[in-house]
């Protein structure tokens, strides 16, 4: 399993971008459809994104993405306590 995505919400996205750039990350400005302008940095097959948060989303709204070769096998025998819908598919 590999972590492939980390999204954090920032009160001041520009200040956060500068902070992470000083740590060595390089960001691209992006916008998808009607979504907000945000910054994305890719390193070793992992995407790290900074999204603006002007109070409309909880500060604990962090997203993680995982690459798992055999998800069904990894979760075999587990009870699913909740589901999440992404692109009209339950995951």
C-alpha atoms as a PDB file:
ATOM      1  CA  UNK A   1       0.000   0.000   0.000  1.00  0.00           C
ATOM      2  CA  UNK A   2       1.177   3.501  -0.835  1.00  0.00           C
ATOM      3  CA  UNK A   3      -0.264   6.862   0.088  1.00  0.00           C
ATOM      4  CA  UNK A   4      -1.029   8.543  -3.224  1.00  0.00           C
ATOM      5  CA  UNK A   5      -2.955  11.665  -2.196  1.00  0.00           C
ATOM      6  CA  UNK A   6      -2.990  14.137   0.680  1.00  0.00           C
ATOM      7  CA  UNK A   7      -5.283  17.182   0.570  1.00  0.00           C
ATOM      8  CA  UNK A   8      -5.262  19.787   3.308  1.00  0.00           C
ATOM      9  CA  UNK A   9      -7.446  22.870   3.666  1.00  0.00           C
ATOM     10  CA  UNK A  10      -5.695  26.137   4.484  1.00  0.00           C
ATOM     11  CA  UNK A  11      -6.920  29.418   5.965  1.00  0.00           C
ATOM     12  CA  UNK A  12      -4.278  31.253   3.933  1.00  0.00           C
ATOM     13  CA  UNK A  13      -3.440  29.164   0.881  1.00  0.00           C
ATOM     14  CA  UNK A  14      -0.687  31.520  -0.333  1.00  0.00           C
ATOM     15  CA  UNK A  15       1.075  31.539   3.032  1.00  0.00           C
ATOM     16  CA  UNK A  16       0.786  27.746   3.194  1.00  0.00           C
ATOM     17  CA  UNK A  17       2.157  27.399  -0.352  1.00  0.00           C
ATOM     18  CA  UNK A  18       5.186  29.542   0.510  1.00  0.00           C
ATOM     19  CA  UNK A  19       5.789  27.490   3.680  1.00  0.00           C
ATOM     20  CA  UNK A  20       5.762  24.157   1.823  1.00  0.00           C
ATOM     21  CA  UNK A  21       7.850  25.572  -1.045  1.00  0.00           C
ATOM     22  CA  UNK A  22      10.496  26.526   1.515  1.00  0.00           C
ATOM     23  CA  UNK A  23      10.509  22.860   2.530  1.00  0.00           C
ATOM     24  CA  UNK A  24      11.319  21.937  -1.072  1.00  0.00           C
ATOM     25  CA  UNK A  25       7.950  21.282  -2.742  1.00  0.00           C
ATOM     26  CA  UNK A  26       7.050  22.797  -6.130  1.00  0.00           C
ATOM     27  CA  UNK A  27       3.383  23.603  -6.784  1.00  0.00           C
ATOM     28  CA  UNK A  28       1.213  24.019  -9.865  1.00  0.00           C
ATOM     29  CA  UNK A  29      -1.919  26.175  -9.675  1.00  0.00           C
ATOM     30  CA  UNK A  30      -4.995  24.129 -10.685  1.00  0.00           C
ATOM     31  CA  UNK A  31      -8.758  24.457 -11.015  1.00  0.00           C
ATOM     32  CA  UNK A  32     -11.122  21.606 -11.906  1.00  0.00           C
ATOM     33  CA  UNK A  33     -14.580  22.504 -13.219  1.00  0.00           C
ATOM     34  CA  UNK A  34     -16.449  24.636 -10.686  1.00  0.00           C
ATOM     35  CA  UNK A  35     -14.022  23.775  -7.891  1.00  0.00           C
ATOM     36  CA  UNK A  36     -11.755  26.316  -6.219  1.00  0.00           C
ATOM     37  CA  UNK A  37      -8.302  27.319  -7.392  1.00  0.00           C
ATOM     38  CA  UNK A  38      -5.794  25.233  -5.444  1.00  0.00           C
ATOM     39  CA  UNK A  39      -2.157  24.133  -5.539  1.00  0.00           C
ATOM     40  CA  UNK A  40      -0.854  20.676  -6.359  1.00  0.00           C
ATOM     41  CA  UNK A  41       2.601  19.168  -5.892  1.00  0.00           C
ATOM     42  CA  UNK A  42       3.610  15.730  -7.151  1.00  0.00           C
ATOM     43  CA  UNK A  43       6.560  13.811  -5.720  1.00  0.00           C
ATOM     44  CA  UNK A  44       7.381  10.095  -5.950  1.00  0.00           C
ATOM     45  CA  UNK A  45       3.866   9.095  -7.146  1.00  0.00           C
ATOM     46  CA  UNK A  46       2.207  11.116  -4.376  1.00  0.00           C
ATOM     47  CA  UNK A  47       0.047  14.196  -4.902  1.00  0.00           C
ATOM     48  CA  UNK A  48      -0.031  16.817  -2.142  1.00  0.00           C
ATOM     49  CA  UNK A  49      -2.711  19.488  -2.569  1.00  0.00           C
ATOM     50  CA  UNK A  50      -3.492  22.730  -0.768  1.00  0.00           C
ATOM     51  CA  UNK A  51      -7.122  23.851  -0.930  1.00  0.00           C
ATOM     52  CA  UNK A  52      -8.479  27.140   0.387  1.00  0.00           C
ATOM     53  CA  UNK A  53     -10.693  27.074   3.466  1.00  0.00           C
ATOM     54  CA  UNK A  54     -12.491  30.284   4.226  1.00  0.00           C
ATOM     55  CA  UNK A  55     -14.625  28.672   6.923  1.00  0.00           C
ATOM     56  CA  UNK A  56     -16.949  26.747   4.593  1.00  0.00           C
ATOM     57  CA  UNK A  57     -15.352  23.368   5.346  1.00  0.00           C
ATOM     58  CA  UNK A  58     -14.370  21.845   8.689  1.00  0.00           C
ATOM     59  CA  UNK A  59     -10.662  22.182   9.421  1.00  0.00           C
ATOM     60  CA  UNK A  60     -10.476  18.415   9.896  1.00  0.00           C
ATOM     61  CA  UNK A  61     -11.574  17.847   6.280  1.00  0.00           C
ATOM     62  CA  UNK A  62      -8.283  16.241   5.233  1.00  0.00           C
ATOM     63  CA  UNK A  63      -8.289  13.709   2.397  1.00  0.00           C
ATOM     64  CA  UNK A  64      -5.975  10.750   2.009  1.00  0.00           C
ATOM     65  CA  UNK A  65      -5.741   8.489  -1.015  1.00  0.00           C
ATOM     66  CA  UNK A  66      -4.175   5.022  -0.964  1.00  0.00           C
ATOM     67  CA  UNK A  67      -2.961   2.730  -3.749  1.00  0.00           C
ATOM     68  CA  UNK A  68      -3.700  -0.862  -2.748  1.00  0.00           C
ATOM     69  CA  UNK A  69      -2.987  -3.727  -5.138  1.00  0.00           C
ATOM     70  CA  UNK A  70      -5.722  -6.047  -3.822  1.00  0.00           C
ATOM     71  CA  UNK A  71      -8.300  -4.040  -1.885  1.00  0.00           C
ATOM     72  CA  UNK A  72     -10.841  -6.862  -1.628  1.00  0.00           C
ATOM     73  CA  UNK A  73      -8.178  -9.237  -0.327  1.00  0.00           C
ATOM     74  CA  UNK A  74      -6.874  -6.665   2.128  1.00  0.00           C
ATOM     75  CA  UNK A  75     -10.361  -6.018   3.515  1.00  0.00           C
ATOM     76  CA  UNK A  76     -11.548  -9.624   3.390  1.00  0.00           C
ATOM     77  CA  UNK A  77     -13.621 -10.557   6.433  1.00  0.00           C
ATOM     78  CA  UNK A  78     -14.034  -6.980   7.647  1.00  0.00           C
ATOM     79  CA  UNK A  79     -17.393  -5.387   8.307  1.00  0.00           C
ATOM     80  CA  UNK A  80     -17.865  -2.084   6.488  1.00  0.00           C
ATOM     81  CA  UNK A  81     -19.083   0.510   8.997  1.00  0.00           C
ATOM     82  CA  UNK A  82     -19.632   3.308   6.479  1.00  0.00           C
ATOM     83  CA  UNK A  83     -19.307   4.053   2.786  1.00  0.00           C
ATOM     84  CA  UNK A  84     -18.124   7.004   0.763  1.00  0.00           C
ATOM     85  CA  UNK A  85     -19.317   8.014  -2.679  1.00  0.00           C
ATOM     86  CA  UNK A  86     -16.799   9.236  -5.251  1.00  0.00           C
ATOM     87  CA  UNK A  87     -17.680   9.960  -8.867  1.00  0.00           C
ATOM     88  CA  UNK A  88     -21.065   8.275  -8.344  1.00  0.00           C
ATOM     89  CA  UNK A  89     -19.404   5.049  -7.154  1.00  0.00           C
ATOM     90  CA  UNK A  90     -19.545   3.769  -3.598  1.00  0.00           C
ATOM     91  CA  UNK A  91     -16.075   3.014  -2.279  1.00  0.00           C
END
